[in-house]
N, C-alpha and C. Protein backbone atom coordinates (compact mmCIF):
# COMPACT_ATOMS: atom_id res chain seq x y z
N MET A 1 -7.77 -10.69 -7.29
CA MET A 1 -6.78 -9.75 -6.80
C MET A 1 -5.46 -10.51 -6.63
N ASN A 2 -4.36 -9.89 -7.05
CA ASN A 2 -3.04 -10.49 -6.93
C ASN A 2 -2.14 -9.62 -6.07
N ILE A 3 -1.18 -10.28 -5.42
CA ILE A 3 -0.20 -9.59 -4.60
C ILE A 3 1.17 -10.21 -4.86
N GLU A 4 2.16 -9.37 -5.05
CA GLU A 4 3.54 -9.81 -5.23
C GLU A 4 4.42 -8.94 -4.35
N SER A 5 5.55 -9.50 -3.92
CA SER A 5 6.46 -8.70 -3.11
C SER A 5 7.88 -8.86 -3.62
N GLU A 6 8.66 -7.80 -3.43
CA GLU A 6 10.08 -7.85 -3.77
C GLU A 6 10.84 -6.95 -2.82
N SER A 7 12.07 -7.36 -2.52
CA SER A 7 12.92 -6.57 -1.65
C SER A 7 13.75 -5.61 -2.49
N LEU A 8 13.77 -4.36 -2.07
CA LEU A 8 14.57 -3.34 -2.73
C LEU A 8 15.76 -3.01 -1.85
N ASP A 9 16.72 -2.28 -2.39
CA ASP A 9 17.89 -1.86 -1.61
C ASP A 9 17.45 -1.06 -0.39
N GLY A 10 18.24 -1.16 0.67
CA GLY A 10 17.97 -0.39 1.88
C GLY A 10 16.91 -0.98 2.78
N GLY A 11 16.60 -2.27 2.61
CA GLY A 11 15.62 -2.90 3.47
C GLY A 11 14.19 -2.50 3.19
N ILE A 12 13.92 -2.05 1.97
CA ILE A 12 12.58 -1.62 1.59
C ILE A 12 11.84 -2.79 0.95
N LEU A 13 10.60 -3.00 1.37
CA LEU A 13 9.75 -4.02 0.78
C LEU A 13 8.78 -3.33 -0.17
N LYS A 14 8.71 -3.81 -1.41
CA LYS A 14 7.74 -3.29 -2.38
C LYS A 14 6.68 -4.35 -2.60
N ILE A 15 5.45 -3.99 -2.30
CA ILE A 15 4.30 -4.85 -2.51
C ILE A 15 3.58 -4.34 -3.75
N THR A 16 3.31 -5.22 -4.70
CA THR A 16 2.56 -4.84 -5.90
C THR A 16 1.19 -5.50 -5.85
N LEU A 17 0.16 -4.67 -5.87
CA LEU A 17 -1.22 -5.14 -5.86
C LEU A 17 -1.80 -4.96 -7.26
N SER A 18 -2.63 -5.89 -7.69
CA SER A 18 -3.31 -5.73 -8.97
C SER A 18 -4.70 -6.34 -8.89
N GLY A 19 -5.63 -5.68 -9.56
CA GLY A 19 -7.01 -6.15 -9.57
C GLY A 19 -7.93 -5.18 -8.86
N ARG A 20 -9.04 -5.72 -8.39
CA ARG A 20 -10.07 -4.92 -7.73
C ARG A 20 -9.98 -5.10 -6.22
N MET A 21 -9.80 -3.99 -5.50
CA MET A 21 -9.79 -4.04 -4.03
C MET A 21 -11.20 -3.81 -3.51
N ASP A 22 -12.10 -4.71 -3.93
CA ASP A 22 -13.45 -4.71 -3.40
C ASP A 22 -13.49 -5.76 -2.28
N ILE A 23 -14.67 -6.14 -1.82
CA ILE A 23 -14.75 -7.09 -0.71
C ILE A 23 -14.06 -8.40 -1.07
N GLN A 24 -14.40 -8.97 -2.20
CA GLN A 24 -13.83 -10.26 -2.58
C GLN A 24 -12.32 -10.15 -2.83
N GLY A 25 -11.90 -9.16 -3.59
CA GLY A 25 -10.48 -9.01 -3.89
C GLY A 25 -9.63 -8.77 -2.65
N THR A 26 -10.13 -7.95 -1.75
CA THR A 26 -9.40 -7.66 -0.52
C THR A 26 -9.29 -8.91 0.35
N GLN A 27 -10.37 -9.68 0.43
CA GLN A 27 -10.33 -10.92 1.21
C GLN A 27 -9.29 -11.89 0.65
N GLU A 28 -9.12 -11.89 -0.67
CA GLU A 28 -8.16 -12.78 -1.31
C GLU A 28 -6.71 -12.46 -0.92
N ILE A 29 -6.41 -11.19 -0.67
CA ILE A 29 -5.02 -10.81 -0.40
C ILE A 29 -4.75 -10.36 1.02
N ASP A 30 -5.77 -10.18 1.83
CA ASP A 30 -5.61 -9.59 3.16
C ASP A 30 -4.58 -10.31 4.03
N LEU A 31 -4.68 -11.61 4.14
CA LEU A 31 -3.76 -12.37 4.99
C LEU A 31 -2.33 -12.30 4.45
N LYS A 32 -2.16 -12.43 3.14
CA LYS A 32 -0.83 -12.33 2.54
C LYS A 32 -0.24 -10.94 2.73
N PHE A 33 -1.07 -9.92 2.56
CA PHE A 33 -0.63 -8.53 2.72
C PHE A 33 -0.11 -8.32 4.14
N SER A 34 -0.87 -8.75 5.12
CA SER A 34 -0.46 -8.61 6.52
C SER A 34 0.80 -9.41 6.83
N SER A 35 0.89 -10.63 6.33
CA SER A 35 2.06 -11.45 6.64
C SER A 35 3.32 -10.97 5.93
N HIS A 36 3.20 -10.50 4.68
CA HIS A 36 4.36 -9.95 3.97
C HIS A 36 4.95 -8.75 4.71
N THR A 37 4.10 -7.95 5.31
CA THR A 37 4.56 -6.70 5.92
C THR A 37 4.75 -6.81 7.43
N ALA A 38 4.54 -7.98 8.00
CA ALA A 38 4.51 -8.17 9.45
C ALA A 38 5.76 -7.69 10.18
N ARG A 39 6.92 -7.79 9.58
CA ARG A 39 8.15 -7.39 10.27
C ARG A 39 8.88 -6.26 9.54
N GLN A 40 8.20 -5.65 8.61
CA GLN A 40 8.83 -4.61 7.80
C GLN A 40 8.65 -3.22 8.41
N ARG A 41 9.62 -2.37 8.16
CA ARG A 41 9.51 -0.98 8.63
C ARG A 41 9.45 0.01 7.48
N SER A 42 9.82 -0.43 6.27
CA SER A 42 9.80 0.44 5.09
C SER A 42 9.06 -0.29 3.98
N VAL A 43 7.84 0.18 3.68
CA VAL A 43 6.99 -0.53 2.71
C VAL A 43 6.43 0.44 1.68
N ILE A 44 6.58 0.04 0.42
CA ILE A 44 5.97 0.75 -0.70
C ILE A 44 4.91 -0.16 -1.28
N VAL A 45 3.69 0.35 -1.40
CA VAL A 45 2.61 -0.44 -1.99
C VAL A 45 2.32 0.14 -3.37
N ASP A 46 2.72 -0.61 -4.40
CA ASP A 46 2.49 -0.21 -5.79
C ASP A 46 1.05 -0.52 -6.15
N MET A 47 0.27 0.53 -6.39
CA MET A 47 -1.15 0.37 -6.70
C MET A 47 -1.48 0.71 -8.14
N SER A 48 -0.46 0.77 -8.99
CA SER A 48 -0.68 1.17 -10.38
C SER A 48 -1.57 0.20 -11.14
N ALA A 49 -1.68 -1.04 -10.70
CA ALA A 49 -2.52 -2.02 -11.38
C ALA A 49 -3.83 -2.31 -10.64
N VAL A 50 -4.14 -1.48 -9.64
CA VAL A 50 -5.43 -1.59 -8.93
C VAL A 50 -6.42 -0.72 -9.68
N ASP A 51 -7.50 -1.33 -10.19
CA ASP A 51 -8.45 -0.55 -11.00
C ASP A 51 -9.73 -0.18 -10.26
N PHE A 52 -9.86 -0.62 -9.00
CA PHE A 52 -11.05 -0.27 -8.21
C PHE A 52 -10.69 -0.38 -6.74
N LEU A 53 -11.14 0.59 -5.94
CA LEU A 53 -10.86 0.58 -4.51
C LEU A 53 -12.15 0.86 -3.75
N ALA A 54 -12.56 -0.10 -2.92
CA ALA A 54 -13.75 0.04 -2.09
C ALA A 54 -13.34 0.22 -0.63
N SER A 55 -14.31 0.42 0.23
CA SER A 55 -14.03 0.67 1.65
C SER A 55 -13.26 -0.46 2.31
N MET A 56 -13.50 -1.70 1.90
CA MET A 56 -12.78 -2.83 2.47
C MET A 56 -11.29 -2.76 2.11
N GLY A 57 -10.99 -2.31 0.92
CA GLY A 57 -9.61 -2.13 0.50
C GLY A 57 -8.93 -1.01 1.28
N ILE A 58 -9.67 0.07 1.50
CA ILE A 58 -9.16 1.19 2.30
C ILE A 58 -8.83 0.70 3.71
N ARG A 59 -9.73 -0.08 4.28
CA ARG A 59 -9.52 -0.63 5.62
C ARG A 59 -8.24 -1.45 5.67
N SER A 60 -8.04 -2.30 4.69
CA SER A 60 -6.86 -3.15 4.65
C SER A 60 -5.58 -2.30 4.58
N LEU A 61 -5.58 -1.29 3.72
CA LEU A 61 -4.41 -0.40 3.61
C LEU A 61 -4.12 0.29 4.93
N LEU A 62 -5.17 0.80 5.58
CA LEU A 62 -4.98 1.52 6.84
C LEU A 62 -4.51 0.61 7.97
N MET A 63 -5.02 -0.62 8.02
CA MET A 63 -4.61 -1.56 9.07
C MET A 63 -3.11 -1.88 8.95
N VAL A 64 -2.66 -2.14 7.73
CA VAL A 64 -1.24 -2.45 7.52
C VAL A 64 -0.39 -1.22 7.82
N ALA A 65 -0.82 -0.05 7.36
CA ALA A 65 -0.07 1.18 7.61
C ALA A 65 0.04 1.46 9.10
N LYS A 66 -1.03 1.22 9.84
CA LYS A 66 -1.02 1.43 11.29
C LYS A 66 -0.04 0.47 11.97
N ALA A 67 -0.03 -0.79 11.55
CA ALA A 67 0.88 -1.77 12.13
C ALA A 67 2.33 -1.38 11.86
N ILE A 68 2.61 -0.94 10.66
CA ILE A 68 3.98 -0.53 10.30
C ILE A 68 4.37 0.71 11.11
N SER A 69 3.47 1.65 11.24
CA SER A 69 3.73 2.86 12.02
C SER A 69 4.01 2.51 13.48
N GLY A 70 3.34 1.50 13.99
CA GLY A 70 3.55 1.05 15.36
C GLY A 70 4.95 0.50 15.59
N ARG A 71 5.62 0.12 14.52
CA ARG A 71 7.02 -0.33 14.59
C ARG A 71 7.98 0.80 14.21
N ASN A 72 7.47 2.03 14.27
CA ASN A 72 8.24 3.21 13.87
C ASN A 72 8.68 3.13 12.41
N GLY A 73 7.85 2.55 11.58
CA GLY A 73 8.14 2.43 10.17
C GLY A 73 7.24 3.35 9.35
N LYS A 74 7.39 3.24 8.02
CA LYS A 74 6.60 4.07 7.11
C LYS A 74 6.10 3.23 5.95
N MET A 75 4.88 3.52 5.53
CA MET A 75 4.29 2.91 4.34
C MET A 75 3.80 4.03 3.44
N VAL A 76 4.05 3.90 2.15
CA VAL A 76 3.55 4.86 1.16
C VAL A 76 2.91 4.10 0.02
N LEU A 77 2.11 4.81 -0.74
CA LEU A 77 1.45 4.24 -1.91
C LEU A 77 2.13 4.78 -3.16
N LEU A 78 2.23 3.93 -4.18
CA LEU A 78 2.90 4.30 -5.41
C LEU A 78 1.96 4.18 -6.61
N GLY A 79 1.80 5.29 -7.32
CA GLY A 79 1.17 5.31 -8.63
C GLY A 79 -0.24 4.84 -8.82
N PRO A 80 -1.16 5.09 -7.89
CA PRO A 80 -2.55 4.69 -8.17
C PRO A 80 -3.10 5.49 -9.35
N ASP A 81 -4.01 4.89 -10.11
CA ASP A 81 -4.59 5.61 -11.24
C ASP A 81 -5.52 6.73 -10.74
N ALA A 82 -6.02 7.53 -11.66
CA ALA A 82 -6.81 8.72 -11.30
C ALA A 82 -8.04 8.37 -10.46
N GLY A 83 -8.76 7.31 -10.83
CA GLY A 83 -9.95 6.93 -10.09
C GLY A 83 -9.65 6.48 -8.67
N VAL A 84 -8.62 5.67 -8.52
CA VAL A 84 -8.22 5.19 -7.19
C VAL A 84 -7.67 6.34 -6.36
N THR A 85 -6.90 7.23 -6.99
CA THR A 85 -6.38 8.40 -6.28
C THR A 85 -7.52 9.26 -5.74
N LYS A 86 -8.56 9.43 -6.55
CA LYS A 86 -9.71 10.23 -6.11
C LYS A 86 -10.36 9.61 -4.88
N VAL A 87 -10.52 8.29 -4.86
CA VAL A 87 -11.11 7.60 -3.70
C VAL A 87 -10.21 7.79 -2.47
N LEU A 88 -8.90 7.65 -2.66
CA LEU A 88 -7.95 7.83 -1.55
C LEU A 88 -8.02 9.25 -1.00
N GLU A 89 -8.13 10.23 -1.87
CA GLU A 89 -8.20 11.63 -1.44
C GLU A 89 -9.54 11.95 -0.78
N MET A 90 -10.63 11.47 -1.35
CA MET A 90 -11.96 11.75 -0.79
C MET A 90 -12.12 11.11 0.59
N SER A 91 -11.48 9.97 0.82
CA SER A 91 -11.58 9.29 2.11
C SER A 91 -10.55 9.79 3.12
N GLY A 92 -9.61 10.62 2.65
CA GLY A 92 -8.59 11.17 3.54
C GLY A 92 -7.40 10.24 3.77
N VAL A 93 -7.37 9.11 3.09
CA VAL A 93 -6.27 8.16 3.26
C VAL A 93 -4.94 8.80 2.87
N ASP A 94 -4.96 9.66 1.86
CA ASP A 94 -3.71 10.28 1.39
C ASP A 94 -3.06 11.16 2.47
N THR A 95 -3.82 11.58 3.47
CA THR A 95 -3.23 12.38 4.56
C THR A 95 -2.54 11.48 5.59
N LEU A 96 -2.90 10.20 5.60
CA LEU A 96 -2.31 9.23 6.53
C LEU A 96 -1.22 8.39 5.87
N VAL A 97 -1.44 8.06 4.61
CA VAL A 97 -0.51 7.24 3.84
C VAL A 97 -0.20 8.02 2.56
N PRO A 98 0.98 8.65 2.49
CA PRO A 98 1.30 9.49 1.35
C PRO A 98 1.31 8.74 0.01
N ILE A 99 0.97 9.47 -1.05
CA ILE A 99 0.95 8.92 -2.40
C ILE A 99 2.11 9.52 -3.18
N PHE A 100 2.84 8.67 -3.89
CA PHE A 100 3.95 9.13 -4.72
C PHE A 100 3.77 8.62 -6.14
N ARG A 101 4.32 9.36 -7.08
CA ARG A 101 4.22 9.00 -8.50
C ARG A 101 5.47 8.27 -9.00
N SER A 102 6.61 8.47 -8.34
CA SER A 102 7.84 7.81 -8.80
C SER A 102 8.39 6.90 -7.70
N LEU A 103 9.03 5.83 -8.13
CA LEU A 103 9.62 4.87 -7.20
C LEU A 103 10.74 5.53 -6.39
N ASP A 104 11.54 6.39 -7.03
CA ASP A 104 12.62 7.08 -6.32
C ASP A 104 12.10 7.91 -5.15
N GLU A 105 11.03 8.69 -5.41
CA GLU A 105 10.45 9.52 -4.34
C GLU A 105 9.89 8.64 -3.23
N ALA A 106 9.23 7.55 -3.60
CA ALA A 106 8.65 6.64 -2.61
C ALA A 106 9.75 6.03 -1.74
N CYS A 107 10.85 5.64 -2.38
CA CYS A 107 11.98 5.04 -1.62
C CYS A 107 12.56 6.04 -0.62
N LYS A 108 12.73 7.28 -1.05
CA LYS A 108 13.25 8.32 -0.16
C LYS A 108 12.31 8.52 1.03
N ALA A 109 11.02 8.46 0.79
CA ALA A 109 10.03 8.74 1.83
C ALA A 109 9.96 7.66 2.90
N VAL A 110 10.27 6.40 2.55
CA VAL A 110 10.12 5.31 3.52
C VAL A 110 11.40 4.97 4.26
N ARG A 111 12.50 5.54 3.85
CA ARG A 111 13.76 5.23 4.55
C ARG A 111 13.68 5.72 5.98
N VAL A 112 13.93 4.80 6.92
CA VAL A 112 13.86 5.17 8.34
C VAL A 112 15.23 5.14 8.99
């Protein structure tokens, strides 16, 4: 599992995840994911290169989203593939962390 981050205009942090968010993959990025987002209030998580999402990955997404929300911030997900989207919808994550298909829409949604 890989994680990259970049700063966008308006104080938005974009995190790009790639690989499998299973137990092993999530453990590989969990600490980096938390530390990258530790002081952020506007976060977009690009999941377009995530090809598998397990419960451990869901947990990691929800923990970071909760921490950001606690700072009166917002986190959204960007472009997960059909299989990952289905897992997010079946688990109800999409009702807590919105999913967007375009970067422009995601940026508008996280501006605080």
